[in-house]
Amino acid sequence: MKQKKDATNTLLMLVMAVAAIVALFVLFANAFEDPTRGTGFAAMFYSYSANRNAVPGMIIPFVLLIIAIILPFVSPLFAPQGKVFIYGVEFVILAAAGVLFLFAPAFYKASNSISYDYNITLGGGLISSITFSFIGAAFALLGVLHAKKEIAR
């Protein structure tokens, strides 16, 4: 029975890590509907050639995704009570990253002094990153429920 519990925890951790990795790597796609703005990484970090500023509001969820990739691999070191905490932190991190990426156009406009009359909408890269962040958060929530059930036994 313990092997089944370990297999479930391993699967949940693996799915959360893969969702966070995919959410990170889809930032190589266009960040906004306007392809001249570049990829998620180009929009996020300073670009001297395009005369654009770094966007702290997009760098924070990027860092959260990196933490979300590392955190599941730390989870096996903890007892079931610690796993509830790790899964809960993972849920909060991935959900926060998804929500912050939703506001990326506003962050981009604010950092680069673009008029709010100019319409910048989410592109494929950010939409995919938001989606995979929320998928990872959903699996983290499943992990919380599973770890609580494991404690109750």
N, C-alpha and C. Protein backbone atom coordinates (compact mmCIF):
# COMPACT_ATOMS: atom_id res chain seq x y z
N MET A 1 0.83 -1.20 0.00
CA MET A 1 0.00 0.00 0.00
C MET A 1 0.87 1.26 0.00
N LYS A 2 2.00 1.21 0.71
CA LYS A 2 2.89 2.36 0.76
C LYS A 2 3.45 2.68 -0.62
N GLN A 3 3.70 1.63 -1.43
CA GLN A 3 4.21 1.86 -2.78
C GLN A 3 3.19 2.61 -3.63
N LYS A 4 1.91 2.30 -3.45
CA LYS A 4 0.87 2.99 -4.21
C LYS A 4 0.82 4.47 -3.83
N LYS A 5 0.95 4.76 -2.51
CA LYS A 5 0.95 6.15 -2.06
C LYS A 5 2.16 6.90 -2.62
N ASP A 6 3.31 6.22 -2.59
CA ASP A 6 4.51 6.86 -3.12
C ASP A 6 4.39 7.08 -4.63
N ALA A 7 3.77 6.14 -5.32
CA ALA A 7 3.60 6.29 -6.77
C ALA A 7 2.67 7.46 -7.09
N THR A 8 1.62 7.61 -6.30
CA THR A 8 0.69 8.73 -6.52
C THR A 8 1.39 10.05 -6.26
N ASN A 9 2.14 10.13 -5.17
CA ASN A 9 2.88 11.36 -4.87
C ASN A 9 3.89 11.67 -5.96
N THR A 10 4.59 10.65 -6.42
CA THR A 10 5.58 10.85 -7.48
C THR A 10 4.92 11.34 -8.76
N LEU A 11 3.78 10.74 -9.10
CA LEU A 11 3.06 11.17 -10.31
C LEU A 11 2.58 12.62 -10.19
N LEU A 12 2.03 12.97 -9.04
CA LEU A 12 1.56 14.35 -8.84
C LEU A 12 2.72 15.35 -8.92
N MET A 13 3.83 15.00 -8.29
CA MET A 13 4.99 15.89 -8.32
C MET A 13 5.52 16.03 -9.74
N LEU A 14 5.55 14.92 -10.47
CA LEU A 14 6.05 14.94 -11.84
C LEU A 14 5.14 15.79 -12.74
N VAL A 15 3.84 15.64 -12.59
CA VAL A 15 2.91 16.43 -13.41
C VAL A 15 3.03 17.92 -13.08
N MET A 16 3.17 18.26 -11.79
CA MET A 16 3.33 19.67 -11.41
C MET A 16 4.62 20.25 -12.00
N ALA A 17 5.70 19.49 -11.91
CA ALA A 17 6.98 19.97 -12.44
C ALA A 17 6.93 20.12 -13.96
N VAL A 18 6.32 19.15 -14.64
CA VAL A 18 6.22 19.22 -16.11
C VAL A 18 5.34 20.40 -16.52
N ALA A 19 4.24 20.63 -15.81
CA ALA A 19 3.37 21.77 -16.12
C ALA A 19 4.14 23.09 -15.94
N ALA A 20 4.93 23.19 -14.89
CA ALA A 20 5.72 24.41 -14.67
C ALA A 20 6.81 24.56 -15.73
N ILE A 21 7.43 23.45 -16.14
CA ILE A 21 8.46 23.52 -17.18
C ILE A 21 7.84 23.96 -18.50
N VAL A 22 6.69 23.38 -18.84
CA VAL A 22 6.02 23.77 -20.09
C VAL A 22 5.60 25.24 -20.02
N ALA A 23 5.07 25.66 -18.87
CA ALA A 23 4.67 27.07 -18.71
C ALA A 23 5.87 28.00 -18.89
N LEU A 24 7.04 27.55 -18.50
CA LEU A 24 8.24 28.36 -18.66
C LEU A 24 8.70 28.39 -20.12
N PHE A 25 8.69 27.23 -20.77
CA PHE A 25 9.22 27.16 -22.13
C PHE A 25 8.29 27.73 -23.19
N VAL A 26 6.99 27.82 -22.92
CA VAL A 26 6.11 28.43 -23.91
C VAL A 26 6.28 29.95 -23.95
N LEU A 27 7.07 30.48 -23.04
CA LEU A 27 7.37 31.92 -23.10
C LEU A 27 8.28 32.26 -24.28
N PHE A 28 8.76 31.24 -25.00
CA PHE A 28 9.52 31.48 -26.23
C PHE A 28 8.60 31.86 -27.38
N ALA A 29 7.30 31.67 -27.23
CA ALA A 29 6.33 32.07 -28.26
C ALA A 29 6.00 33.55 -28.08
N ASN A 30 5.23 34.09 -29.01
CA ASN A 30 4.87 35.51 -28.97
C ASN A 30 4.12 35.84 -27.68
N ALA A 31 4.58 36.87 -27.01
CA ALA A 31 3.96 37.26 -25.74
C ALA A 31 2.63 37.96 -25.97
N PHE A 32 2.57 38.78 -27.00
CA PHE A 32 1.38 39.57 -27.24
C PHE A 32 0.88 39.32 -28.66
N GLU A 33 -0.34 39.74 -28.90
CA GLU A 33 -0.95 39.55 -30.23
C GLU A 33 -0.13 40.25 -31.30
N ASP A 34 0.49 41.35 -30.96
CA ASP A 34 1.35 42.10 -31.88
C ASP A 34 2.73 41.42 -31.91
N PRO A 35 3.10 40.73 -33.00
CA PRO A 35 4.36 39.97 -33.02
C PRO A 35 5.61 40.85 -32.96
N THR A 36 5.48 42.15 -33.20
CA THR A 36 6.67 43.01 -33.14
C THR A 36 7.14 43.21 -31.70
N ARG A 37 6.31 42.86 -30.72
CA ARG A 37 6.70 42.98 -29.31
C ARG A 37 7.62 41.85 -28.89
N GLY A 38 7.67 40.77 -29.65
CA GLY A 38 8.60 39.69 -29.38
C GLY A 38 8.04 38.59 -28.50
N THR A 39 8.94 37.69 -28.11
CA THR A 39 8.56 36.54 -27.28
C THR A 39 8.33 36.99 -25.84
N GLY A 40 7.91 36.05 -25.02
CA GLY A 40 7.70 36.36 -23.60
C GLY A 40 8.99 36.80 -22.93
N PHE A 41 10.10 36.14 -23.29
CA PHE A 41 11.38 36.52 -22.70
C PHE A 41 11.84 37.88 -23.19
N ALA A 42 11.60 38.17 -24.47
CA ALA A 42 11.99 39.48 -25.01
C ALA A 42 11.15 40.59 -24.39
N ALA A 43 9.88 40.32 -24.15
CA ALA A 43 9.02 41.33 -23.53
C ALA A 43 9.34 41.48 -22.05
N MET A 44 9.78 40.42 -21.43
CA MET A 44 10.02 40.41 -19.99
C MET A 44 11.31 41.13 -19.60
N PHE A 45 12.37 40.82 -20.33
CA PHE A 45 13.68 41.35 -19.99
C PHE A 45 14.05 42.53 -20.88
N TYR A 46 14.96 43.30 -20.43
CA TYR A 46 15.42 44.50 -21.11
C TYR A 46 15.90 44.17 -22.52
N SER A 47 15.51 44.96 -23.49
CA SER A 47 15.95 44.78 -24.87
C SER A 47 16.51 46.11 -25.36
N TYR A 48 17.84 46.18 -25.45
CA TYR A 48 18.49 47.42 -25.84
C TYR A 48 18.19 47.77 -27.29
N SER A 49 18.19 46.77 -28.17
CA SER A 49 17.99 47.04 -29.59
C SER A 49 16.58 47.55 -29.88
N ALA A 50 15.60 47.09 -29.14
CA ALA A 50 14.23 47.55 -29.36
C ALA A 50 13.85 48.70 -28.43
N ASN A 51 14.79 49.15 -27.60
CA ASN A 51 14.57 50.25 -26.68
C ASN A 51 13.37 49.98 -25.76
N ARG A 52 13.38 48.80 -25.14
CA ARG A 52 12.32 48.43 -24.21
C ARG A 52 12.91 48.19 -22.82
N ASN A 53 12.13 48.48 -21.81
CA ASN A 53 12.55 48.28 -20.43
C ASN A 53 12.18 46.88 -19.95
N ALA A 54 12.86 46.43 -18.90
CA ALA A 54 12.50 45.18 -18.25
C ALA A 54 11.14 45.37 -17.58
N VAL A 55 10.38 44.29 -17.48
CA VAL A 55 9.04 44.35 -16.92
C VAL A 55 9.01 43.52 -15.64
N PRO A 56 9.17 44.18 -14.47
CA PRO A 56 9.19 43.44 -13.20
C PRO A 56 7.93 42.62 -12.96
N GLY A 57 6.80 43.10 -13.42
CA GLY A 57 5.55 42.37 -13.24
C GLY A 57 5.51 41.06 -13.99
N MET A 58 6.38 40.89 -14.98
CA MET A 58 6.47 39.61 -15.69
C MET A 58 7.67 38.79 -15.20
N ILE A 59 8.65 39.44 -14.61
CA ILE A 59 9.82 38.71 -14.10
C ILE A 59 9.44 37.95 -12.83
N ILE A 60 8.57 38.51 -12.02
CA ILE A 60 8.15 37.84 -10.78
C ILE A 60 7.49 36.49 -11.07
N PRO A 61 6.51 36.39 -11.99
CA PRO A 61 5.96 35.06 -12.25
C PRO A 61 6.96 34.11 -12.91
N PHE A 62 7.92 34.66 -13.65
CA PHE A 62 8.98 33.85 -14.22
C PHE A 62 9.79 33.18 -13.10
N VAL A 63 10.14 33.95 -12.09
CA VAL A 63 10.88 33.41 -10.94
C VAL A 63 10.00 32.40 -10.18
N LEU A 64 8.71 32.71 -10.06
CA LEU A 64 7.80 31.77 -9.39
C LEU A 64 7.75 30.44 -10.13
N LEU A 65 7.79 30.48 -11.47
CA LEU A 65 7.79 29.24 -12.23
C LEU A 65 9.06 28.43 -11.99
N ILE A 66 10.19 29.12 -11.87
CA ILE A 66 11.45 28.42 -11.59
C ILE A 66 11.37 27.75 -10.21
N ILE A 67 10.82 28.45 -9.23
CA ILE A 67 10.65 27.85 -7.90
C ILE A 67 9.69 26.67 -7.97
N ALA A 68 8.63 26.81 -8.78
CA ALA A 68 7.65 25.73 -8.92
C ALA A 68 8.23 24.50 -9.60
N ILE A 69 9.27 24.67 -10.39
CA ILE A 69 9.95 23.53 -11.00
C ILE A 69 10.79 22.79 -9.96
N ILE A 70 11.44 23.53 -9.09
CA ILE A 70 12.35 22.94 -8.11
C ILE A 70 11.60 22.32 -6.92
N LEU A 71 10.54 22.96 -6.49
CA LEU A 71 9.84 22.57 -5.26
C LEU A 71 9.32 21.12 -5.24
N PRO A 72 8.74 20.58 -6.31
CA PRO A 72 8.26 19.20 -6.23
C PRO A 72 9.36 18.18 -5.96
N PHE A 73 10.58 18.48 -6.35
CA PHE A 73 11.67 17.55 -6.14
C PHE A 73 12.18 17.58 -4.69
N VAL A 74 11.76 18.58 -3.93
CA VAL A 74 12.11 18.67 -2.52
C VAL A 74 11.06 17.94 -1.68
N SER A 75 9.87 17.79 -2.21
CA SER A 75 8.74 17.21 -1.48
C SER A 75 8.99 15.82 -0.91
N PRO A 76 9.68 14.90 -1.59
CA PRO A 76 9.88 13.56 -1.00
C PRO A 76 10.67 13.56 0.31
N LEU A 77 11.34 14.64 0.61
CA LEU A 77 12.13 14.71 1.83
C LEU A 77 11.28 14.91 3.08
N PHE A 78 10.00 15.21 2.89
CA PHE A 78 9.14 15.55 4.02
C PHE A 78 8.17 14.43 4.35
N ALA A 79 7.73 14.40 5.59
CA ALA A 79 6.68 13.49 6.03
C ALA A 79 5.35 13.96 5.42
N PRO A 80 4.29 13.18 5.55
CA PRO A 80 3.00 13.59 4.96
C PRO A 80 2.53 14.99 5.40
N GLN A 81 2.79 15.38 6.66
CA GLN A 81 2.38 16.72 7.10
C GLN A 81 3.15 17.79 6.32
N GLY A 82 4.42 17.54 6.06
CA GLY A 82 5.22 18.49 5.30
C GLY A 82 4.81 18.53 3.84
N LYS A 83 4.33 17.37 3.33
CA LYS A 83 3.89 17.34 1.94
C LYS A 83 2.66 18.21 1.72
N VAL A 84 1.77 18.25 2.70
CA VAL A 84 0.61 19.14 2.59
C VAL A 84 1.08 20.58 2.43
N PHE A 85 2.06 20.96 3.23
CA PHE A 85 2.60 22.32 3.15
C PHE A 85 3.26 22.57 1.79
N ILE A 86 4.08 21.62 1.31
CA ILE A 86 4.77 21.78 0.03
C ILE A 86 3.77 21.88 -1.11
N TYR A 87 2.77 20.98 -1.11
CA TYR A 87 1.74 21.04 -2.15
C TYR A 87 0.96 22.35 -2.07
N GLY A 88 0.68 22.82 -0.87
CA GLY A 88 -0.03 24.10 -0.71
C GLY A 88 0.78 25.27 -1.23
N VAL A 89 2.07 25.28 -0.93
CA VAL A 89 2.95 26.34 -1.44
C VAL A 89 3.02 26.27 -2.96
N GLU A 90 3.12 25.07 -3.49
CA GLU A 90 3.16 24.89 -4.95
C GLU A 90 1.88 25.41 -5.60
N PHE A 91 0.74 25.13 -4.96
CA PHE A 91 -0.54 25.64 -5.47
C PHE A 91 -0.55 27.16 -5.51
N VAL A 92 -0.13 27.78 -4.42
CA VAL A 92 -0.13 29.25 -4.34
C VAL A 92 0.83 29.84 -5.38
N ILE A 93 2.01 29.24 -5.51
CA ILE A 93 3.01 29.76 -6.45
C ILE A 93 2.51 29.68 -7.89
N LEU A 94 1.99 28.52 -8.28
CA LEU A 94 1.54 28.36 -9.67
C LEU A 94 0.30 29.21 -9.96
N ALA A 95 -0.62 29.28 -9.02
CA ALA A 95 -1.80 30.12 -9.22
C ALA A 95 -1.40 31.60 -9.31
N ALA A 96 -0.48 32.03 -8.47
CA ALA A 96 -0.03 33.43 -8.50
C ALA A 96 0.69 33.73 -9.82
N ALA A 97 1.49 32.80 -10.30
CA ALA A 97 2.18 33.01 -11.58
C ALA A 97 1.16 33.14 -12.71
N GLY A 98 0.14 32.29 -12.71
CA GLY A 98 -0.89 32.38 -13.74
C GLY A 98 -1.64 33.70 -13.70
N VAL A 99 -1.99 34.13 -12.51
CA VAL A 99 -2.73 35.41 -12.37
C VAL A 99 -1.84 36.59 -12.79
N LEU A 100 -0.58 36.58 -12.38
CA LEU A 100 0.31 37.68 -12.75
C LEU A 100 0.54 37.73 -14.26
N PHE A 101 0.63 36.57 -14.91
CA PHE A 101 0.76 36.57 -16.36
C PHE A 101 -0.49 37.09 -17.04
N LEU A 102 -1.65 36.98 -16.39
CA LEU A 102 -2.87 37.55 -16.96
C LEU A 102 -2.77 39.07 -17.09
N PHE A 103 -2.05 39.69 -16.18
CA PHE A 103 -1.92 41.14 -16.18
C PHE A 103 -0.68 41.62 -16.94
N ALA A 104 -0.04 40.75 -17.70
CA ALA A 104 1.18 41.09 -18.43
C ALA A 104 1.03 42.30 -19.36
N PRO A 105 -0.08 42.43 -20.11
CA PRO A 105 -0.19 43.62 -20.97
C PRO A 105 -0.15 44.93 -20.17
N ALA A 106 -0.82 44.96 -19.03
CA ALA A 106 -0.81 46.17 -18.21
C ALA A 106 0.58 46.44 -17.65
N PHE A 107 1.26 45.38 -17.20
CA PHE A 107 2.63 45.54 -16.69
C PHE A 107 3.56 46.04 -17.80
N TYR A 108 3.40 45.51 -19.00
CA TYR A 108 4.24 45.89 -20.13
C TYR A 108 4.02 47.36 -20.49
N LYS A 109 2.76 47.76 -20.53
CA LYS A 109 2.46 49.16 -20.84
C LYS A 109 3.03 50.10 -19.79
N ALA A 110 2.92 49.73 -18.53
CA ALA A 110 3.41 50.58 -17.45
C ALA A 110 4.93 50.70 -17.47
N SER A 111 5.62 49.62 -17.76
CA SER A 111 7.09 49.64 -17.75
C SER A 111 7.69 50.34 -18.95
N ASN A 112 6.98 50.34 -20.06
CA ASN A 112 7.52 50.89 -21.28
C ASN A 112 6.85 52.19 -21.71
N SER A 113 6.10 52.80 -20.83
CA SER A 113 5.45 54.09 -21.08
C SER A 113 4.66 54.09 -22.38
N ILE A 114 3.85 53.07 -22.54
CA ILE A 114 2.97 52.98 -23.71
C ILE A 114 1.61 53.52 -23.31
N SER A 115 1.01 54.27 -24.18
CA SER A 115 -0.30 54.84 -23.91
C SER A 115 -1.33 53.72 -23.70
N TYR A 116 -2.21 53.91 -22.75
CA TYR A 116 -3.24 52.91 -22.50
C TYR A 116 -4.29 52.91 -23.60
N ASP A 117 -4.23 53.87 -24.51
CA ASP A 117 -5.12 53.85 -25.65
C ASP A 117 -4.67 52.79 -26.66
N TYR A 118 -3.38 52.45 -26.63
CA TYR A 118 -2.83 51.45 -27.54
C TYR A 118 -3.19 50.07 -27.00
N ASN A 119 -3.83 49.26 -27.81
CA ASN A 119 -4.34 47.97 -27.37
C ASN A 119 -3.28 46.88 -27.54
N ILE A 120 -2.79 46.33 -26.43
CA ILE A 120 -1.89 45.19 -26.43
C ILE A 120 -2.63 44.05 -25.75
N THR A 121 -2.79 42.94 -26.48
CA THR A 121 -3.51 41.80 -25.92
C THR A 121 -2.58 40.60 -25.78
N LEU A 122 -3.01 39.64 -25.01
CA LEU A 122 -2.21 38.44 -24.76
C LEU A 122 -2.01 37.65 -26.05
N GLY A 123 -0.79 37.14 -26.20
CA GLY A 123 -0.49 36.29 -27.34
C GLY A 123 -0.43 34.83 -26.92
N GLY A 124 -0.07 33.98 -27.85
CA GLY A 124 -0.06 32.54 -27.62
C GLY A 124 0.86 32.09 -26.50
N GLY A 125 2.03 32.71 -26.40
CA GLY A 125 2.98 32.32 -25.37
C GLY A 125 2.46 32.56 -23.97
N LEU A 126 1.91 33.72 -23.73
CA LEU A 126 1.40 34.03 -22.39
C LEU A 126 0.12 33.27 -22.08
N ILE A 127 -0.73 33.07 -23.08
CA ILE A 127 -1.95 32.31 -22.85
C ILE A 127 -1.61 30.87 -22.47
N SER A 128 -0.64 30.29 -23.17
CA SER A 128 -0.22 28.92 -22.86
C SER A 128 0.43 28.85 -21.49
N SER A 129 1.22 29.85 -21.15
CA SER A 129 1.87 29.88 -19.83
C SER A 129 0.84 29.99 -18.72
N ILE A 130 -0.16 30.80 -18.91
CA ILE A 130 -1.25 30.93 -17.93
C ILE A 130 -1.97 29.59 -17.77
N THR A 131 -2.27 28.96 -18.90
CA THR A 131 -3.00 27.69 -18.88
C THR A 131 -2.22 26.61 -18.14
N PHE A 132 -0.94 26.47 -18.46
CA PHE A 132 -0.15 25.43 -17.81
C PHE A 132 0.14 25.75 -16.34
N SER A 133 0.20 27.03 -16.00
CA SER A 133 0.35 27.39 -14.59
C SER A 133 -0.88 26.96 -13.80
N PHE A 134 -2.06 27.19 -14.37
CA PHE A 134 -3.28 26.79 -13.68
C PHE A 134 -3.46 25.27 -13.66
N ILE A 135 -3.00 24.57 -14.69
CA ILE A 135 -3.04 23.11 -14.69
C ILE A 135 -2.14 22.57 -13.57
N GLY A 136 -0.94 23.13 -13.45
CA GLY A 136 -0.04 22.72 -12.37
C GLY A 136 -0.64 23.03 -11.01
N ALA A 137 -1.31 24.17 -10.89
CA ALA A 137 -1.94 24.53 -9.61
C ALA A 137 -3.06 23.55 -9.27
N ALA A 138 -3.81 23.12 -10.27
CA ALA A 138 -4.88 22.15 -10.03
C ALA A 138 -4.31 20.82 -9.52
N PHE A 139 -3.21 20.38 -10.11
CA PHE A 139 -2.58 19.14 -9.64
C PHE A 139 -1.96 19.32 -8.25
N ALA A 140 -1.49 20.51 -7.94
CA ALA A 140 -0.98 20.77 -6.60
C ALA A 140 -2.12 20.69 -5.58
N LEU A 141 -3.29 21.17 -5.96
CA LEU A 141 -4.45 21.06 -5.08
C LEU A 141 -4.84 19.60 -4.88
N LEU A 142 -4.75 18.81 -5.94
CA LEU A 142 -4.98 17.36 -5.80
C LEU A 142 -3.96 16.75 -4.85
N GLY A 143 -2.72 17.24 -4.92
CA GLY A 143 -1.68 16.77 -4.02
C GLY A 143 -1.99 17.10 -2.57
N VAL A 144 -2.53 18.28 -2.32
CA VAL A 144 -2.92 18.65 -0.96
C VAL A 144 -3.98 17.69 -0.45
N LEU A 145 -4.98 17.44 -1.27
CA LEU A 145 -6.06 16.54 -0.86
C LEU A 145 -5.54 15.12 -0.62
N HIS A 146 -4.66 14.66 -1.50
CA HIS A 146 -4.09 13.33 -1.35
C HIS A 146 -3.23 13.22 -0.09
N ALA A 147 -2.42 14.24 0.17
CA ALA A 147 -1.56 14.21 1.35
C ALA A 147 -2.40 14.27 2.63
N LYS A 148 -3.48 15.04 2.63
CA LYS A 148 -4.37 15.09 3.81
C LYS A 148 -5.03 13.74 4.05
N LYS A 149 -5.42 13.09 2.95
CA LYS A 149 -6.02 11.77 3.06
C LYS A 149 -5.00 10.76 3.60
N GLU A 150 -3.76 10.93 3.20
CA GLU A 150 -2.69 10.05 3.66
C GLU A 150 -2.44 10.23 5.15
N ILE A 151 -2.56 11.46 5.64
CA ILE A 151 -2.37 11.74 7.08
C ILE A 151 -3.51 11.13 7.88
N ALA A 152 -4.73 11.19 7.34
CA ALA A 152 -5.90 10.68 8.06
C ALA A 152 -5.84 9.17 8.27
N ARG A 153 -5.09 8.47 7.42
CA ARG A 153 -5.01 7.01 7.56
C ARG A 153 -4.09 6.62 8.62
